[in-house]
Amino acid sequence: ISVFALEVATEVTGLKVERYNKHYFPRDEFDFVEEKGNPELPEITY
């Protein structure tokens, strides 16, 4: 149902979907998903 929801949202509303690493759908890749790598930590002043 999650894949169905993403398919509908990208078709009807033009939703942009980004996925980092292979979370949530480890065995699948989809045309409507923009694949990202490992996110980089932002610059933070501690």
All heavy atoms as atom14 arrays in JSON, in Angstrom:
{
  "sequence": "ISVFALEVATEVTGLKVERYNKHYFPRDEFDFVEEKGNPELPEITY",
  "atom14_mask": [
    [1, 1, 1, 1, 1, 1, 1, 1, 0, 0, 0, 0, 0, 0],
    [1, 1, 1, 1, 1, 1, 0, 0, 0, 0, 0, 0, 0, 0],
    [1, 1, 1, 1, 1, 1, 1, 0, 0, 0, 0, 0, 0, 0],
    [1, 1, 1, 1, 1, 1, 1, 1, 1, 1, 1, 0, 0, 0],
    [1, 1, 1, 1, 1, 0, 0, 0, 0, 0, 0, 0, 0, 0],
    [1, 1, 1, 1, 1, 1, 1, 1, 0, 0, 0, 0, 0, 0],
    [1, 1, 1, 1, 1, 1, 1, 1, 1, 0, 0, 0, 0, 0],
    [1, 1, 1, 1, 1, 1, 1, 0, 0, 0, 0, 0, 0, 0],
    [1, 1, 1, 1, 1, 0, 0, 0, 0, 0, 0, 0, 0, 0],
    [1, 1, 1, 1, 1, 1, 1, 0, 0, 0, 0, 0, 0, 0],
    [1, 1, 1, 1, 1, 1, 1, 1, 1, 0, 0, 0, 0, 0],
    [1, 1, 1, 1, 1, 1, 1, 0, 0, 0, 0, 0, 0, 0],
    [1, 1, 1, 1, 1, 1, 1, 0, 0, 0, 0, 0, 0, 0],
    [1, 1, 1, 1, 0, 0, 0, 0, 0, 0, 0, 0, 0, 0],
    [1, 1, 1, 1, 1, 1, 1, 1, 0, 0, 0, 0, 0, 0],
    [1, 1, 1, 1, 1, 1, 1, 1, 1, 0, 0, 0, 0, 0],
    [1, 1, 1, 1, 1, 1, 1, 0, 0, 0, 0, 0, 0, 0],
    [1, 1, 1, 1, 1, 1, 1, 1, 1, 0, 0, 0, 0, 0],
    [1, 1, 1, 1, 1, 1, 1, 1, 1, 1, 1, 0, 0, 0],
    [1, 1, 1, 1, 1, 1, 1, 1, 1, 1, 1, 1, 0, 0],
    [1, 1, 1, 1, 1, 1, 1, 1, 0, 0, 0, 0, 0, 0],
    [1, 1, 1, 1, 1, 1, 1, 1, 1, 0, 0, 0, 0, 0],
    [1, 1, 1, 1, 1, 1, 1, 1, 1, 1, 0, 0, 0, 0],
    [1, 1, 1, 1, 1, 1, 1, 1, 1, 1, 1, 1, 0, 0],
    [1, 1, 1, 1, 1, 1, 1, 1, 1, 1, 1, 0, 0, 0],
    [1, 1, 1, 1, 1, 1, 1, 0, 0, 0, 0, 0, 0, 0],
    [1, 1, 1, 1, 1, 1, 1, 1, 1, 1, 1, 0, 0, 0],
    [1, 1, 1, 1, 1, 1, 1, 1, 0, 0, 0, 0, 0, 0],
    [1, 1, 1, 1, 1, 1, 1, 1, 1, 0, 0, 0, 0, 0],
    [1, 1, 1, 1, 1, 1, 1, 1, 1, 1, 1, 0, 0, 0],
    [1, 1, 1, 1, 1, 1, 1, 1, 0, 0, 0, 0, 0, 0],
    [1, 1, 1, 1, 1, 1, 1, 1, 1, 1, 1, 0, 0, 0],
    [1, 1, 1, 1, 1, 1, 1, 0, 0, 0, 0, 0, 0, 0],
    [1, 1, 1, 1, 1, 1, 1, 1, 1, 0, 0, 0, 0, 0],
    [1, 1, 1, 1, 1, 1, 1, 1, 1, 0, 0, 0, 0, 0],
    [1, 1, 1, 1, 1, 1, 1, 1, 1, 0, 0, 0, 0, 0],
    [1, 1, 1, 1, 0, 0, 0, 0, 0, 0, 0, 0, 0, 0],
    [1, 1, 1, 1, 1, 1, 1, 1, 0, 0, 0, 0, 0, 0],
    [1, 1, 1, 1, 1, 1, 1, 0, 0, 0, 0, 0, 0, 0],
    [1, 1, 1, 1, 1, 1, 1, 1, 1, 0, 0, 0, 0, 0],
    [1, 1, 1, 1, 1, 1, 1, 1, 0, 0, 0, 0, 0, 0],
    [1, 1, 1, 1, 1, 1, 1, 0, 0, 0, 0, 0, 0, 0],
    [1, 1, 1, 1, 1, 1, 1, 1, 1, 0, 0, 0, 0, 0],
    [1, 1, 1, 1, 1, 1, 1, 1, 0, 0, 0, 0, 0, 0],
    [1, 1, 1, 1, 1, 1, 1, 0, 0, 0, 0, 0, 0, 0],
    [1, 1, 1, 1, 1, 1, 1, 1, 1, 1, 1, 1, 0, 0]
  ],
  "atom14_positions": [
    [[0.83, -1.2, 0.0], [0.0, 0.0, 0.0], [0.86, 1.25, 0.0], [0.47, 2.3, -0.53], [-0.98, 0.0, 1.2], [-2.06, 1.07, 0.97], [-0.26, 0.24, 2.5], [-3.18, 1.03, 1.99], [0.0, 0.0, 0.0], [0.0, 0.0, 0.0], [0.0, 0.0, 0.0], [0.0, 0.0, 0.0], [0.0, 0.0, 0.0], [0.0, 0.0, 0.0]],
    [[2.08, 1.16, 0.55], [2.99, 2.3, 0.55], [3.45, 2.63, -0.87], [3.49, 3.8, -1.27], [4.19, 2.02, 1.45], [3.79, 1.83, 2.8], [0.0, 0.0, 0.0], [0.0, 0.0, 0.0], [0.0, 0.0, 0.0], [0.0, 0.0, 0.0], [0.0, 0.0, 0.0], [0.0, 0.0, 0.0], [0.0, 0.0, 0.0], [0.0, 0.0, 0.0]],
    [[3.78, 1.6, -1.65], [4.18, 1.81, -3.04], [3.0, 2.4, -3.83], [3.16, 3.33, -4.62], [4.65, 0.49, -3.68], [4.86, 0.65, -5.18], [5.94, 0.01, -3.0], [0.0, 0.0, 0.0], [0.0, 0.0, 0.0], [0.0, 0.0, 0.0], [0.0, 0.0, 0.0], [0.0, 0.0, 0.0], [0.0, 0.0, 0.0], [0.0, 0.0, 0.0]],
    [[1.8, 1.87, -3.6], [0.6, 2.38, -4.27], [0.41, 3.86, -3.93], [0.12, 4.68, -4.82], [-0.61, 1.57, -3.83], [-1.93, 2.1, -4.33], [-2.23, 2.11, -5.68], [-2.88, 2.57, -3.43], [-3.45, 2.6, -6.14], [-4.09, 3.06, -3.87], [-4.38, 3.07, -5.23], [0.0, 0.0, 0.0], [0.0, 0.0, 0.0], [0.0, 0.0, 0.0]],
    [[0.58, 4.23, -2.67], [0.4, 5.62, -2.26], [1.4, 6.53, -2.96], [1.04, 7.63, -3.42], [0.53, 5.74, -0.75], [0.0, 0.0, 0.0], [0.0, 0.0, 0.0], [0.0, 0.0, 0.0], [0.0, 0.0, 0.0], [0.0, 0.0, 0.0], [0.0, 0.0, 0.0], [0.0, 0.0, 0.0], [0.0, 0.0, 0.0], [0.0, 0.0, 0.0]],
    [[2.64, 6.09, -3.08], [3.66, 6.9, -3.75], [3.35, 7.02, -5.24], [3.53, 8.09, -5.84], [5.04, 6.29, -3.54], [5.57, 6.29, -2.1], [6.97, 5.68, -2.06], [5.59, 7.7, -1.52], [0.0, 0.0, 0.0], [0.0, 0.0, 0.0], [0.0, 0.0, 0.0], [0.0, 0.0, 0.0], [0.0, 0.0, 0.0], [0.0, 0.0, 0.0]],
    [[2.91, 5.93, -5.85], [2.56, 5.99, -7.28], [1.42, 6.97, -7.53], [1.48, 7.78, -8.46], [2.16, 4.59, -7.76], [3.3, 3.61, -7.84], [2.85, 2.21, -8.19], [1.66, 1.89, -7.95], [3.67, 1.42, -8.69], [0.0, 0.0, 0.0], [0.0, 0.0, 0.0], [0.0, 0.0, 0.0], [0.0, 0.0, 0.0], [0.0, 0.0, 0.0]],
    [[0.4, 6.91, -6.7], [-0.75, 7.81, -6.86], [-0.33, 9.26, -6.63], [-0.68, 10.16, -7.41], [-1.89, 7.42, -5.9], [-2.99, 8.48, -5.91], [-2.46, 6.07, -6.28], [0.0, 0.0, 0.0], [0.0, 0.0, 0.0], [0.0, 0.0, 0.0], [0.0, 0.0, 0.0], [0.0, 0.0, 0.0], [0.0, 0.0, 0.0], [0.0, 0.0, 0.0]],
    [[0.42, 9.51, -5.55], [0.81, 10.88, -5.21], [1.7, 11.5, -6.29], [1.53, 12.67, -6.65], [1.51, 10.91, -3.86], [0.0, 0.0, 0.0], [0.0, 0.0, 0.0], [0.0, 0.0, 0.0], [0.0, 0.0, 0.0], [0.0, 0.0, 0.0], [0.0, 0.0, 0.0], [0.0, 0.0, 0.0], [0.0, 0.0, 0.0], [0.0, 0.0, 0.0]],
    [[2.64, 10.72, -6.82], [3.51, 11.27, -7.85], [2.76, 11.53, -9.15], [3.04, 12.48, -9.87], [4.7, 10.33, -8.11], [4.22, 9.01, -8.4], [5.62, 10.27, -6.9], [0.0, 0.0, 0.0], [0.0, 0.0, 0.0], [0.0, 0.0, 0.0], [0.0, 0.0, 0.0], [0.0, 0.0, 0.0], [0.0, 0.0, 0.0], [0.0, 0.0, 0.0]],
    [[1.75, 10.67, -9.46], [0.97, 10.86, -10.69], [-0.03, 12.0, -10.56], [-0.16, 12.83, -11.48], [0.22, 9.57, -11.03], [-0.68, 9.71, -12.24], [-1.47, 8.43, -12.55], [-1.05, 7.34, -12.09], [-2.5, 8.53, -13.24], [0.0, 0.0, 0.0], [0.0, 0.0, 0.0], [0.0, 0.0, 0.0], [0.0, 0.0, 0.0], [0.0, 0.0, 0.0]],
    [[-0.73, 12.06, -9.44], [-1.85, 13.01, -9.31], [-1.4, 14.37, -8.8], [-1.87, 15.4, -9.27], [-2.94, 12.42, -8.39], [-4.08, 13.42, -8.2], [-3.46, 11.1, -8.96], [0.0, 0.0, 0.0], [0.0, 0.0, 0.0], [0.0, 0.0, 0.0], [0.0, 0.0, 0.0], [0.0, 0.0, 0.0], [0.0, 0.0, 0.0], [0.0, 0.0, 0.0]],
    [[-0.5, 14.39, -7.82], [-0.11, 15.67, -7.21], [1.28, 16.13, -7.62], [1.68, 17.24, -7.26], [-0.17, 15.58, -5.67], [0.9, 14.74, -5.2], [-1.49, 14.99, -5.21], [0.0, 0.0, 0.0], [0.0, 0.0, 0.0], [0.0, 0.0, 0.0], [0.0, 0.0, 0.0], [0.0, 0.0, 0.0], [0.0, 0.0, 0.0], [0.0, 0.0, 0.0]],
    [[2.04, 15.28, -8.32], [3.4, 15.65, -8.68], [4.37, 15.6, -7.53], [5.42, 16.28, -7.54], [0.0, 0.0, 0.0], [0.0, 0.0, 0.0], [0.0, 0.0, 0.0], [0.0, 0.0, 0.0], [0.0, 0.0, 0.0], [0.0, 0.0, 0.0], [0.0, 0.0, 0.0], [0.0, 0.0, 0.0], [0.0, 0.0, 0.0], [0.0, 0.0, 0.0]],
    [[4.08, 14.79, -6.52], [4.95, 14.68, -5.35], [6.36, 14.26, -5.74], [6.55, 13.34, -6.55], [4.36, 13.66, -4.36], [5.18, 13.4, -3.09], [5.16, 14.62, -2.18], [4.65, 12.16, -2.36], [0.0, 0.0, 0.0], [0.0, 0.0, 0.0], [0.0, 0.0, 0.0], [0.0, 0.0, 0.0], [0.0, 0.0, 0.0], [0.0, 0.0, 0.0]],
    [[7.35, 14.91, -5.14], [8.75, 14.54, -5.32], [9.15, 13.64, -4.14], [8.96, 14.0, -2.99], [9.64, 15.78, -5.35], [11.13, 15.47, -5.44], [11.96, 16.75, -5.37], [13.46, 16.46, -5.41], [14.26, 17.7, -5.29], [0.0, 0.0, 0.0], [0.0, 0.0, 0.0], [0.0, 0.0, 0.0], [0.0, 0.0, 0.0], [0.0, 0.0, 0.0]],
    [[9.68, 12.45, -4.46], [10.06, 11.48, -3.43], [11.56, 11.27, -3.47], [12.12, 10.89, -4.51], [9.33, 10.14, -3.63], [9.71, 9.16, -2.52], [7.82, 10.35, -3.67], [0.0, 0.0, 0.0], [0.0, 0.0, 0.0], [0.0, 0.0, 0.0], [0.0, 0.0, 0.0], [0.0, 0.0, 0.0], [0.0, 0.0, 0.0], [0.0, 0.0, 0.0]],
    [[12.22, 11.51, -2.34], [13.65, 11.27, -2.2], [13.86, 10.13, -1.22], [13.2, 10.07, -0.18], [14.37, 12.51, -1.64], [14.18, 13.77, -2.46], [14.76, 14.99, -1.77], [14.93, 14.95, -0.53], [15.04, 15.98, -2.47], [0.0, 0.0, 0.0], [0.0, 0.0, 0.0], [0.0, 0.0, 0.0], [0.0, 0.0, 0.0], [0.0, 0.0, 0.0]],
    [[14.78, 9.23, -1.56], [15.1, 8.13, -0.64], [16.61, 8.07, -0.46], [17.36, 7.99, -1.42], [14.58, 6.8, -1.18], [14.97, 5.63, -0.25], [14.38, 4.33, -0.7], [14.97, 3.81, -1.92], [15.0, 2.52, -2.23], [14.47, 1.62, -1.42], [15.54, 2.11, -3.36], [0.0, 0.0, 0.0], [0.0, 0.0, 0.0], [0.0, 0.0, 0.0]],
    [[17.02, 8.06, 0.81], [18.43, 7.97, 1.14], [18.79, 6.52, 1.46], [18.04, 5.8, 2.12], [18.76, 8.89, 2.31], [18.68, 10.35, 1.93], [17.45, 11.0, 1.85], [19.83, 11.06, 1.6], [17.37, 12.33, 1.47], [19.76, 12.39, 1.22], [18.52, 13.01, 1.15], [18.46, 14.34, 0.77], [0.0, 0.0, 0.0], [0.0, 0.0, 0.0]],
    [[19.99, 6.12, 0.97], [20.42, 4.73, 1.07], [19.34, 3.82, 0.48], [18.71, 4.17, -0.51], [20.79, 4.39, 2.52], [22.08, 5.1, 2.94], [23.06, 5.11, 2.2], [22.06, 5.71, 4.11], [0.0, 0.0, 0.0], [0.0, 0.0, 0.0], [0.0, 0.0, 0.0], [0.0, 0.0, 0.0], [0.0, 0.0, 0.0], [0.0, 0.0, 0.0]],
    [[19.07, 2.69, 1.09], [18.06, 1.77, 0.56], [16.96, 1.52, 1.58], [16.34, 0.45, 1.6], [18.72, 0.43, 0.17], [19.7, 0.54, -0.97], [19.01, 0.89, -2.28], [20.0, 0.93, -3.44], [19.34, 1.33, -4.7], [0.0, 0.0, 0.0], [0.0, 0.0, 0.0], [0.0, 0.0, 0.0], [0.0, 0.0, 0.0], [0.0, 0.0, 0.0]],
    [[16.7, 2.52, 2.4], [15.69, 2.34, 3.44], [14.3, 2.13, 2.84], [13.99, 2.62, 1.75], [15.66, 3.56, 4.36], [16.92, 3.75, 5.15], [17.26, 2.94, 6.21], [17.93, 4.65, 5.03], [18.41, 3.35, 6.71], [18.85, 4.38, 6.02], [0.0, 0.0, 0.0], [0.0, 0.0, 0.0], [0.0, 0.0, 0.0], [0.0, 0.0, 0.0]],
    [[13.46, 1.4, 3.58], [12.04, 1.17, 3.3], [11.77, 0.2, 2.15], [10.89, -0.65, 2.26], [11.31, 2.48, 3.05], [11.39, 3.42, 4.24], [12.13, 4.59, 4.19], [10.74, 3.09, 5.43], [12.22, 5.44, 5.29], [10.83, 3.93, 6.54], [11.57, 5.1, 6.46], [11.67, 5.91, 7.55], [0.0, 0.0, 0.0], [0.0, 0.0, 0.0]],
    [[12.48, 0.31, 1.04], [12.27, -0.62, -0.09], [13.62, -1.21, -0.48], [14.16, -0.9, -1.54], [11.67, 0.12, -1.29], [10.47, 0.96, -0.95], [10.58, 2.34, -0.87], [9.24, 0.38, -0.71], [9.49, 3.12, -0.57], [8.14, 1.16, -0.41], [8.25, 2.53, -0.33], [0.0, 0.0, 0.0], [0.0, 0.0, 0.0], [0.0, 0.0, 0.0]],
    [[14.2, -2.06, 0.36], [15.58, -2.5, 0.12], [15.78, -3.27, -1.18], [16.87, -3.26, -1.75], [15.86, -3.4, 1.34], [14.51, -3.81, 1.85], [13.61, -2.65, 1.56], [0.0, 0.0, 0.0], [0.0, 0.0, 0.0], [0.0, 0.0, 0.0], [0.0, 0.0, 0.0], [0.0, 0.0, 0.0], [0.0, 0.0, 0.0], [0.0, 0.0, 0.0]],
    [[14.75, -3.94, -1.68], [14.92, -4.8, -2.86], [14.38, -4.15, -4.13], [14.44, -4.73, -5.2], [14.22, -6.15, -2.64], [14.83, -6.98, -1.53], [14.09, -8.29, -1.36], [12.69, -8.07, -1.02], [12.26, -7.84, 0.21], [13.13, -7.78, 1.21], [10.98, -7.63, 0.45], [0.0, 0.0, 0.0], [0.0, 0.0, 0.0], [0.0, 0.0, 0.0]],
    [[13.85, -2.93, -4.0], [13.16, -2.35, -5.15], [13.67, -0.95, -5.47], [14.08, -0.21, -4.58], [11.64, -2.27, -4.89], [11.04, -3.64, -4.65], [11.2, -4.51, -5.51], [10.41, -3.83, -3.59], [0.0, 0.0, 0.0], [0.0, 0.0, 0.0], [0.0, 0.0, 0.0], [0.0, 0.0, 0.0], [0.0, 0.0, 0.0], [0.0, 0.0, 0.0]],
    [[13.62, -0.63, -6.74], [13.88, 0.73, -7.2], [12.72, 1.15, -8.09], [12.18, 0.34, -8.85], [15.2, 0.81, -7.95], [16.42, 0.53, -7.07], [17.72, 0.75, -7.8], [17.66, 1.12, -8.99], [18.78, 0.56, -7.19], [0.0, 0.0, 0.0], [0.0, 0.0, 0.0], [0.0, 0.0, 0.0], [0.0, 0.0, 0.0], [0.0, 0.0, 0.0]],
    [[12.32, 2.41, -7.98], [11.15, 2.89, -8.69], [11.5, 4.14, -9.49], [12.3, 4.97, -9.05], [10.02, 3.22, -7.7], [9.67, 2.06, -6.79], [10.19, 1.99, -5.5], [8.84, 1.05, -7.23], [9.88, 0.94, -4.67], [8.52, 0.0, -6.4], [9.04, -0.07, -5.12], [0.0, 0.0, 0.0], [0.0, 0.0, 0.0], [0.0, 0.0, 0.0]],
    [[10.85, 4.28, -10.64], [11.1, 5.44, -11.49], [10.7, 6.74, -10.8], [11.28, 7.79, -11.07], [10.32, 5.3, -12.81], [10.84, 4.15, -13.65], [12.01, 3.76, -13.45], [10.08, 3.65, -14.5], [0.0, 0.0, 0.0], [0.0, 0.0, 0.0], [0.0, 0.0, 0.0], [0.0, 0.0, 0.0], [0.0, 0.0, 0.0], [0.0, 0.0, 0.0]],
    [[9.71, 6.68, -9.95], [9.22, 7.9, -9.32], [10.0, 8.29, -8.06], [9.66, 9.27, -7.4], [7.73, 7.77, -8.98], [7.4, 6.55, -8.12], [7.61, 6.57, -6.76], [6.89, 5.41, -8.71], [7.3, 5.47, -5.98], [6.58, 4.3, -7.94], [6.79, 4.33, -6.57], [0.0, 0.0, 0.0], [0.0, 0.0, 0.0], [0.0, 0.0, 0.0]],
    [[11.02, 7.53, -7.71], [11.82, 7.83, -6.52], [13.19, 8.33, -6.95], [13.87, 7.7, -7.77], [11.96, 6.58, -5.62], [12.93, 6.87, -4.46], [10.6, 6.15, -5.08], [0.0, 0.0, 0.0], [0.0, 0.0, 0.0], [0.0, 0.0, 0.0], [0.0, 0.0, 0.0], [0.0, 0.0, 0.0], [0.0, 0.0, 0.0], [0.0, 0.0, 0.0]],
    [[13.6, 9.45, -6.38], [14.95, 9.97, -6.61], [15.87, 9.37, -5.57], [15.76, 9.65, -4.38], [14.96, 11.5, -6.5], [16.31, 12.12, -6.78], [16.29, 13.64, -6.66], [15.18, 14.23, -6.66], [17.39, 14.23, -6.55], [0.0, 0.0, 0.0], [0.0, 0.0, 0.0], [0.0, 0.0, 0.0], [0.0, 0.0, 0.0], [0.0, 0.0, 0.0]],
    [[16.77, 8.5, -6.03], [17.66, 7.79, -5.12], [18.8, 8.69, -4.64], [19.44, 9.36, -5.43], [18.22, 6.54, -5.79], [17.17, 5.53, -6.23], [16.47, 4.84, -5.08], [16.9, 5.04, -3.91], [15.48, 4.12, -5.32], [0.0, 0.0, 0.0], [0.0, 0.0, 0.0], [0.0, 0.0, 0.0], [0.0, 0.0, 0.0], [0.0, 0.0, 0.0]],
    [[19.03, 8.66, -3.33], [20.11, 9.43, -2.71], [21.05, 8.47, -2.02], [20.7, 7.34, -1.7], [19.53, 10.42, -1.69], [18.55, 11.42, -2.27], [19.27, 12.54, -2.98], [18.3, 13.65, -3.35], [18.99, 14.81, -3.96], [0.0, 0.0, 0.0], [0.0, 0.0, 0.0], [0.0, 0.0, 0.0], [0.0, 0.0, 0.0], [0.0, 0.0, 0.0]],
    [[22.24, 8.93, -1.74], [23.2, 8.12, -1.0], [23.06, 8.33, 0.49], [21.99, 8.63, 1.0], [0.0, 0.0, 0.0], [0.0, 0.0, 0.0], [0.0, 0.0, 0.0], [0.0, 0.0, 0.0], [0.0, 0.0, 0.0], [0.0, 0.0, 0.0], [0.0, 0.0, 0.0], [0.0, 0.0, 0.0], [0.0, 0.0, 0.0], [0.0, 0.0, 0.0]],
    [[24.18, 8.19, 1.19], [24.18, 8.42, 2.63], [24.18, 9.93, 2.88], [25.03, 10.65, 2.36], [25.43, 7.79, 3.25], [25.35, 7.68, 4.75], [24.26, 7.53, 5.3], [26.47, 7.75, 5.42], [0.0, 0.0, 0.0], [0.0, 0.0, 0.0], [0.0, 0.0, 0.0], [0.0, 0.0, 0.0], [0.0, 0.0, 0.0], [0.0, 0.0, 0.0]],
    [[23.23, 10.47, 3.64], [23.18, 11.92, 3.85], [24.43, 12.41, 4.6], [25.0, 11.69, 5.41], [21.92, 12.12, 4.69], [21.66, 10.8, 5.33], [22.15, 9.77, 4.36], [0.0, 0.0, 0.0], [0.0, 0.0, 0.0], [0.0, 0.0, 0.0], [0.0, 0.0, 0.0], [0.0, 0.0, 0.0], [0.0, 0.0, 0.0], [0.0, 0.0, 0.0]],
    [[24.85, 13.63, 4.28], [26.01, 14.23, 4.94], [25.56, 15.15, 6.07], [24.58, 15.89, 5.93], [26.84, 15.02, 3.93], [27.47, 14.17, 2.84], [28.35, 14.98, 1.92], [28.5, 16.21, 2.18], [28.88, 14.41, 0.94], [0.0, 0.0, 0.0], [0.0, 0.0, 0.0], [0.0, 0.0, 0.0], [0.0, 0.0, 0.0], [0.0, 0.0, 0.0]],
    [[26.28, 15.08, 7.17], [25.96, 15.94, 8.3], [26.13, 17.4, 7.91], [27.11, 17.77, 7.26], [26.88, 15.63, 9.49], [26.49, 14.44, 10.38], [27.66, 14.06, 11.28], [25.26, 14.77, 11.21], [0.0, 0.0, 0.0], [0.0, 0.0, 0.0], [0.0, 0.0, 0.0], [0.0, 0.0, 0.0], [0.0, 0.0, 0.0], [0.0, 0.0, 0.0]],
    [[25.19, 18.26, 8.3], [25.37, 19.69, 8.03], [26.48, 20.26, 8.91], [26.87, 19.67, 9.91], [24.0, 20.27, 8.41], [23.46, 19.32, 9.43], [23.93, 17.97, 9.02], [0.0, 0.0, 0.0], [0.0, 0.0, 0.0], [0.0, 0.0, 0.0], [0.0, 0.0, 0.0], [0.0, 0.0, 0.0], [0.0, 0.0, 0.0], [0.0, 0.0, 0.0]],
    [[26.99, 21.39, 8.5], [28.0, 22.06, 9.31], [27.34, 22.66, 10.55], [26.39, 23.43, 10.44], [28.7, 23.14, 8.5], [29.57, 22.59, 7.37], [30.37, 23.7, 6.69], [30.33, 24.84, 7.19], [31.0, 23.4, 5.67], [0.0, 0.0, 0.0], [0.0, 0.0, 0.0], [0.0, 0.0, 0.0], [0.0, 0.0, 0.0], [0.0, 0.0, 0.0]],
    [[27.82, 22.26, 11.69], [27.24, 22.7, 12.96], [28.36, 23.25, 13.84], [29.43, 22.65, 13.95], [26.53, 21.53, 13.69], [25.36, 21.03, 12.84], [26.04, 21.96, 15.07], [24.66, 19.82, 13.42], [0.0, 0.0, 0.0], [0.0, 0.0, 0.0], [0.0, 0.0, 0.0], [0.0, 0.0, 0.0], [0.0, 0.0, 0.0], [0.0, 0.0, 0.0]],
    [[28.11, 24.38, 14.47], [29.06, 24.95, 15.42], [28.65, 24.5, 16.82], [27.59, 24.9, 17.34], [29.06, 26.48, 15.34], [29.39, 26.88, 14.01], [30.08, 27.07, 16.31], [0.0, 0.0, 0.0], [0.0, 0.0, 0.0], [0.0, 0.0, 0.0], [0.0, 0.0, 0.0], [0.0, 0.0, 0.0], [0.0, 0.0, 0.0], [0.0, 0.0, 0.0]],
    [[29.48, 23.65, 17.42], [29.15, 23.09, 18.72], [29.64, 24.0, 19.85], [30.61, 24.75, 19.7], [29.78, 21.7, 18.87], [29.29, 20.7, 17.84], [30.09, 20.33, 16.76], [28.04, 20.13, 17.96], [29.64, 19.43, 15.81], [27.58, 19.22, 17.01], [28.38, 18.87, 15.94], [27.93, 17.98, 15.01], [0.0, 0.0, 0.0], [0.0, 0.0, 0.0]]
  ]
}
